[in-house]
C-alpha atoms as a PDB file:
ATOM      1  CA  MET A   1       7.725  12.097  -2.538  1.00  0.00           C
ATOM      2  CA  GLY A   2       6.748  15.168  -0.574  1.00  0.00           C
ATOM      3  CA  VAL A   3       5.455  18.125  -2.541  1.00  0.00           C
ATOM      4  CA  GLU A   4       5.099  16.299  -5.878  1.00  0.00           C
ATOM      5  CA  VAL A   5       2.350  13.961  -4.605  1.00  0.00           C
ATOM      6  CA  VAL A   6      -0.321  16.365  -3.344  1.00  0.00           C
ATOM      7  CA  PRO A   7      -1.021  18.045  -6.732  1.00  0.00           C
ATOM      8  CA  ARG A   8      -1.534  14.573  -8.249  1.00  0.00           C
ATOM      9  CA  LEU A   9      -4.219  13.494  -5.781  1.00  0.00           C
ATOM     10  CA  ARG A  10      -7.578  13.011  -7.472  1.00  0.00           C
ATOM     11  CA  GLY A  11      -9.884  12.212  -4.576  1.00  0.00           C
ATOM     12  CA  ARG A  12     -10.307  12.492  -0.845  1.00  0.00           C
ATOM     13  CA  PHE A  13      -7.678   9.862   0.033  1.00  0.00           C
ATOM     14  CA  GLY A  14      -4.274  11.343   0.791  1.00  0.00           C
ATOM     15  CA  ARG A  15      -5.553  14.342   2.705  1.00  0.00           C
ATOM     16  CA  PRO A  16      -3.893  15.165   5.001  1.00  0.00           C
ATOM     17  CA  TYR A  17      -0.598  13.941   3.522  1.00  0.00           C
ATOM     18  CA  THR A  18       2.566  13.405   5.567  1.00  0.00           C
ATOM     19  CA  PHE A  19       5.991  12.515   4.177  1.00  0.00           C
ATOM     20  CA  VAL A  20       9.098  11.648   6.192  1.00  0.00           C
ATOM     21  CA  GLU A  21      12.526  10.514   5.062  1.00  0.00           C
ATOM     22  CA  SER A  22      12.697   7.734   7.648  1.00  0.00           C
ATOM     23  CA  CYS A  23      10.537   6.348  10.447  1.00  0.00           C
ATOM     24  CA  LEU A  24       9.992   3.182  12.425  1.00  0.00           C
ATOM     25  CA  SER A  25       6.706   2.451  10.632  1.00  0.00           C
ATOM     26  CA  THR A  26       4.261   4.640   8.718  1.00  0.00           C
ATOM     27  CA  GLN A  27       1.454   2.968  10.698  1.00  0.00           C
ATOM     28  CA  ARG A  28       2.728   4.797  13.793  1.00  0.00           C
ATOM     29  CA  LEU A  29       2.508   8.222  12.121  1.00  0.00           C
ATOM     30  CA  LEU A  30      -1.280   8.104  11.868  1.00  0.00           C
ATOM     31  CA  ASP A  31      -2.442   8.080  15.491  1.00  0.00           C
ATOM     32  CA  GLY A  32      -5.534  10.271  15.737  1.00  0.00           C
ATOM     33  CA  ALA A  33      -5.530  11.112  11.997  1.00  0.00           C
ATOM     34  CA  PRO A  34      -8.846  11.378  10.120  1.00  0.00           C
ATOM     35  CA  GLU A  35     -10.055   8.890   7.516  1.00  0.00           C
ATOM     36  CA  GLY A  36      -8.103   9.215   4.286  1.00  0.00           C
ATOM     37  CA  ALA A  37      -4.938  10.554   5.960  1.00  0.00           C
ATOM     38  CA  VAL A  38      -1.758   9.119   4.423  1.00  0.00           C
ATOM     39  CA  ALA A  39       1.769   8.814   5.811  1.00  0.00           C
ATOM     40  CA  VAL A  40       4.642   7.994   3.431  1.00  0.00           C
ATOM     41  CA  ALA A  41       8.302   7.257   4.171  1.00  0.00           C
ATOM     42  CA  ASP A  42      11.352   6.780   2.000  1.00  0.00           C
ATOM     43  CA  GLU A  43      12.492   4.203   4.545  1.00  0.00           C
ATOM     44  CA  GLN A  44      10.953   2.272   7.432  1.00  0.00           C
ATOM     45  CA  THR A  45      13.314   0.797   9.979  1.00  0.00           C
ATOM     46  CA  GLU A  46      10.680  -1.401  11.657  1.00  0.00           C
ATOM     47  CA  GLY A  47       8.162  -1.999   8.877  1.00  0.00           C
ATOM     48  CA  ARG A  48       6.025  -5.073   9.402  1.00  0.00           C
ATOM     49  CA  GLY A  49       4.240  -7.594   7.276  1.00  0.00           C
ATOM     50  CA  ARG A  50       1.735 -10.277   8.096  1.00  0.00           C
ATOM     51  CA  LEU A  51       2.485 -12.659  10.996  1.00  0.00           C
ATOM     52  CA  GLY A  52       5.089 -10.284  12.430  1.00  0.00           C
ATOM     53  CA  ARG A  53       7.436 -10.567   9.445  1.00  0.00           C
ATOM     54  CA  THR A  54       9.696  -7.602   8.751  1.00  0.00           C
ATOM     55  CA  TRP A  55       9.285  -5.423   5.662  1.00  0.00           C
ATOM     56  CA  HIS A  56      12.350  -3.417   4.741  1.00  0.00           C
ATOM     57  CA  ALA A  57      13.292  -1.530   1.608  1.00  0.00           C
ATOM     58  CA  PRO A  58      16.492   0.484   1.202  1.00  0.00           C
ATOM     59  CA  SER A  59      15.817   4.223   1.242  1.00  0.00           C
ATOM     60  CA  GLY A  60      14.108   5.482  -1.911  1.00  0.00           C
ATOM     61  CA  THR A  61      13.573   2.047  -3.502  1.00  0.00           C
ATOM     62  CA  GLY A  62      10.034   1.242  -2.427  1.00  0.00           C
ATOM     63  CA  LEU A  63       6.673   2.854  -2.016  1.00  0.00           C
ATOM     64  CA  LEU A  64       5.964   2.598   1.717  1.00  0.00           C
ATOM     65  CA  PHE A  65       2.803   4.155   3.093  1.00  0.00           C
ATOM     66  CA  SER A  66      -0.174   3.797   5.389  1.00  0.00           C
ATOM     67  CA  ILE A  67      -3.697   5.177   5.202  1.00  0.00           C
ATOM     68  CA  VAL A  68      -6.391   5.519   7.874  1.00  0.00           C
ATOM     69  CA  LEU A  69      -9.810   4.052   7.096  1.00  0.00           C
ATOM     70  CA  VAL A  70     -12.890   4.104   9.310  1.00  0.00           C
ATOM     71  CA  PRO A  71     -15.356   1.853   7.503  1.00  0.00           C
ATOM     72  CA  ALA A  72     -18.963   1.705   8.653  1.00  0.00           C
ATOM     73  CA  VAL A  73     -19.181  -2.072   8.308  1.00  0.00           C
ATOM     74  CA  PRO A  74     -19.629  -4.929  10.784  1.00  0.00           C
ATOM     75  CA  PRO A  75     -16.288  -5.730  12.505  1.00  0.00           C
ATOM     76  CA  ASP A  76     -16.199  -9.232  11.010  1.00  0.00           C
ATOM     77  CA  ARG A  77     -15.863  -7.665   7.535  1.00  0.00           C
ATOM     78  CA  LEU A  78     -12.699  -5.673   8.386  1.00  0.00           C
ATOM     79  CA  PRO A  79     -10.301  -8.458   7.260  1.00  0.00           C
ATOM     80  CA  GLU A  80     -11.708  -7.991   3.734  1.00  0.00           C
ATOM     81  CA  LEU A  81      -9.877  -4.649   3.544  1.00  0.00           C
ATOM     82  CA  SER A  82      -6.609  -6.420   2.686  1.00  0.00           C
ATOM     83  CA  LEU A  83      -8.237  -7.874  -0.434  1.00  0.00           C
ATOM     84  CA  VAL A  84      -9.883  -4.554  -1.299  1.00  0.00           C
ATOM     85  CA  ALA A  85      -6.499  -2.854  -1.064  1.00  0.00           C
ATOM     86  CA  GLY A  86      -4.774  -5.672  -2.955  1.00  0.00           C
ATOM     87  CA  ALA A  87      -7.166  -5.274  -5.880  1.00  0.00           C
ATOM     88  CA  ALA A  88      -6.550  -1.517  -5.935  1.00  0.00           C
ATOM     89  CA  VAL A  89      -2.753  -1.939  -5.834  1.00  0.00           C
ATOM     90  CA  ALA A  90      -2.800  -4.560  -8.604  1.00  0.00           C
ATOM     91  CA  GLU A  91      -5.008  -2.344 -10.761  1.00  0.00           C
ATOM     92  CA  ALA A  92      -2.791   0.699 -10.163  1.00  0.00           C
ATOM     93  CA  ILE A  93       0.396  -1.217 -11.004  1.00  0.00           C
ATOM     94  CA  GLU A  94      -1.137  -2.342 -14.271  1.00  0.00           C
ATOM     95  CA  ALA A  95      -2.386   1.178 -15.057  1.00  0.00           C
ATOM     96  CA  GLU A  96       1.014   2.785 -14.381  1.00  0.00           C
ATOM     97  CA  THR A  97       3.288   0.105 -15.871  1.00  0.00           C
ATOM     98  CA  GLY A  98       1.287  -2.099 -18.217  1.00  0.00           C
ATOM     99  CA  ILE A  99       2.356  -5.135 -16.173  1.00  0.00           C
ATOM    100  CA  ARG A 100      -0.423  -7.506 -15.104  1.00  0.00           C
ATOM    101  CA  ALA A 101      -0.577  -7.917 -11.327  1.00  0.00           C
ATOM    102  CA  THR A 102      -2.758 -10.327  -9.348  1.00  0.00           C
ATOM    103  CA  VAL A 103      -3.871 -10.639  -5.742  1.00  0.00           C
ATOM    104  CA  LYS A 104      -2.825 -13.657  -3.686  1.00  0.00           C
ATOM    105  CA  ARG A 105      -4.893 -14.123  -0.552  1.00  0.00           C
ATOM    106  CA  PRO A 106      -4.736 -12.840   2.024  1.00  0.00           C
ATOM    107  CA  ASN A 107      -2.468  -9.832   1.450  1.00  0.00           C
ATOM    108  CA  ASP A 108       0.039 -10.142  -1.403  1.00  0.00           C
ATOM    109  CA  VAL A 109       0.198  -8.653  -4.879  1.00  0.00           C
ATOM    110  CA  LEU A 110       2.087 -10.747  -7.413  1.00  0.00           C
ATOM    111  CA  VAL A 111       3.663 -10.116 -10.798  1.00  0.00           C
ATOM    112  CA  ALA A 112       4.492 -13.261 -12.791  1.00  0.00           C
ATOM    113  CA  GLY A 113       4.139 -15.331  -9.603  1.00  0.00           C
ATOM    114  CA  SER A 114       6.527 -13.180  -7.530  1.00  0.00           C
ATOM    115  CA  LYS A 115       5.576 -10.856  -4.678  1.00  0.00           C
ATOM    116  CA  VAL A 116       5.799  -7.184  -5.632  1.00  0.00           C
ATOM    117  CA  ALA A 117       3.620  -5.715  -2.868  1.00  0.00           C
ATOM    118  CA  GLY A 118       2.187  -6.507   0.532  1.00  0.00           C
ATOM    119  CA  ILE A 119      -0.627  -5.131   2.643  1.00  0.00           C
ATOM    120  CA  LEU A 120      -1.028  -5.036   6.422  1.00  0.00           C
ATOM    121  CA  ALA A 121      -4.341  -4.018   7.978  1.00  0.00           C
ATOM    122  CA  GLU A 122      -4.382  -3.265  11.696  1.00  0.00           C
ATOM    123  CA  ALA A 123      -7.739  -2.468  13.279  1.00  0.00           C
ATOM    124  CA  VAL A 124      -8.338  -0.830  16.637  1.00  0.00           C
ATOM    125  CA  GLU A 125     -11.917   0.100  17.573  1.00  0.00           C
ATOM    126  CA  ARG A 126     -13.188   0.221  13.960  1.00  0.00           C
ATOM    127  CA  ARG A 127     -10.219   2.380  12.850  1.00  0.00           C
ATOM    128  CA  VAL A 128      -7.979   0.623  10.366  1.00  0.00           C
ATOM    129  CA  ALA A 129      -4.394   1.582   9.612  1.00  0.00           C
ATOM    130  CA  LEU A 130      -3.754   0.012   6.241  1.00  0.00           C
ATOM    131  CA  GLY A 131      -0.047  -0.320   5.464  1.00  0.00           C
ATOM    132  CA  ILE A 132       1.048  -0.899   1.873  1.00  0.00           C
ATOM    133  CA  GLY A 133       4.531  -1.631   0.593  1.00  0.00           C
ATOM    134  CA  VAL A 134       5.388  -1.850  -3.113  1.00  0.00           C
ATOM    135  CA  ASN A 135       8.805  -2.961  -4.339  1.00  0.00           C
ATOM    136  CA  VAL A 136       9.612  -0.341  -6.964  1.00  0.00           C
ATOM    137  CA  SER A 137      13.315  -0.270  -7.777  1.00  0.00           C
ATOM    138  CA  GLN A 138      15.038  -2.832  -5.559  1.00  0.00           C
ATOM    139  CA  THR A 139      17.705  -5.030  -7.067  1.00  0.00           C
ATOM    140  CA  GLU A 140      17.684  -8.779  -6.574  1.00  0.00           C
ATOM    141  CA  VAL A 141      20.207  -8.593  -3.717  1.00  0.00           C
ATOM    142  CA  GLN A 142      18.090  -5.966  -1.914  1.00  0.00           C
ATOM    143  CA  LEU A 143      15.038  -8.232  -1.759  1.00  0.00           C
ATOM    144  CA  PRO A 144      14.434 -10.835   0.970  1.00  0.00           C
ATOM    145  CA  ALA A 145      14.370 -14.551   0.339  1.00  0.00           C
ATOM    146  CA  VAL A 146      10.664 -15.308   0.768  1.00  0.00           C
ATOM    147  CA  ASP A 147       8.035 -17.650  -0.610  1.00  0.00           C
ATOM    148  CA  PRO A 148       6.642 -16.707  -3.041  1.00  0.00           C
ATOM    149  CA  PRO A 149       9.880 -15.073  -4.244  1.00  0.00           C
ATOM    150  CA  ALA A 150      10.047 -11.275  -4.123  1.00  0.00           C
ATOM    151  CA  THR A 151      10.471  -9.032  -7.140  1.00  0.00           C
ATOM    152  CA  SER A 152      10.392  -5.325  -7.885  1.00  0.00           C
ATOM    153  CA  LEU A 153       8.871  -3.403 -10.743  1.00  0.00           C
ATOM    154  CA  ALA A 154      12.407  -2.608 -11.928  1.00  0.00           C
ATOM    155  CA  LEU A 155      13.297  -6.313 -12.015  1.00  0.00           C
ATOM    156  CA  GLU A 156      10.179  -6.834 -14.125  1.00  0.00           C
ATOM    157  CA  GLY A 157      11.598  -4.396 -16.650  1.00  0.00           C
ATOM    158  CA  VAL A 158       9.673  -1.211 -15.904  1.00  0.00           C
ATOM    159  CA  SER A 159      10.492   2.127 -14.382  1.00  0.00           C
ATOM    160  CA  VAL A 160       7.748   3.997 -12.572  1.00  0.00           C
ATOM    161  CA  GLU A 161       7.703   7.247 -10.670  1.00  0.00           C
ATOM    162  CA  ARG A 162       6.743   6.520  -7.070  1.00  0.00           C
ATOM    163  CA  ALA A 163       4.646   9.707  -6.739  1.00  0.00           C
ATOM    164  CA  ALA A 164       2.568   8.783  -9.787  1.00  0.00           C
ATOM    165  CA  LEU A 165       2.103   5.213  -8.561  1.00  0.00           C
ATOM    166  CA  LEU A 166       1.039   6.439  -5.110  1.00  0.00           C
ATOM    167  CA  ALA A 167      -1.533   8.840  -6.572  1.00  0.00           C
ATOM    168  CA  THR A 168      -2.979   6.076  -8.749  1.00  0.00           C
ATOM    169  CA  ILE A 169      -3.085   3.577  -5.875  1.00  0.00           C
ATOM    170  CA  LEU A 170      -4.951   6.095  -3.701  1.00  0.00           C
ATOM    171  CA  GLU A 171      -7.408   6.860  -6.508  1.00  0.00           C
ATOM    172  CA  ARG A 172      -8.094   3.158  -7.151  1.00  0.00           C
ATOM    173  CA  LEU A 173      -8.221   2.362  -3.427  1.00  0.00           C
ATOM    174  CA  GLU A 174     -10.838   5.055  -2.877  1.00  0.00           C
ATOM    175  CA  ALA A 175     -13.008   3.633  -5.685  1.00  0.00           C
ATOM    176  CA  HIS A 176     -12.663   0.015  -4.463  1.00  0.00           C
ATOM    177  CA  TYR A 177     -13.241   1.068  -0.848  1.00  0.00           C
ATOM    178  CA  ASP A 178     -16.395   3.033  -1.686  1.00  0.00           C
ATOM    179  CA  ARG A 179     -17.827   0.060  -3.648  1.00  0.00           C
ATOM    180  CA  TRP A 180     -16.960  -2.275  -0.756  1.00  0.00           C
ATOM    181  CA  ILE A 181     -18.665   0.013   1.782  1.00  0.00           C
ATOM    182  CA  THR A 182     -21.774   0.183  -0.433  1.00  0.00           C
ATOM    183  CA  SER A 183     -21.860  -3.604  -0.831  1.00  0.00           C
ATOM    184  CA  ALA A 184     -21.610  -4.043   2.956  1.00  0.00           C
ATOM    185  CA  GLY A 185     -25.036  -2.447   3.305  1.00  0.00           C
ATOM    186  CA  THR A 186     -26.717  -4.898   0.950  1.00  0.00           C
END
């Protein structure tokens, strides 16, 4: 997930790009980073979801990353970023796998009614660290017991290269984000 991602990037998101084998949380790797900076890890030991829930994926089984965004929108619109990101992730999953994915408010992406991805947006002074986790190749026993039930792309019958999925998510996120920013001014 290191060197193979950067040549696949098709926009401004993902620059600069940081990859680590393991970290507490990719959110913590982005302090002071510019908009569009991305941090990716093969494993997070203290990954978080909404409402303080933990998000863990065995090393190399998930797509775990965070991106810095600095949107020029009123602060009360910042919570919308989870839905913007959810739409981009769902669209990218469908583009890379052919599987239809949907967004479940406020921050889940579902495949056939099961959670395949989650989004966590943390804002501090108009800077948003947007954390995204996609279950790529986990087995049933590696997934938590949650409601809605968790799944992975592998359990849904598809294999996808994490680097390709990341590049597509970043491309789609940039497009959705730019449209959202433009709509905020109207």
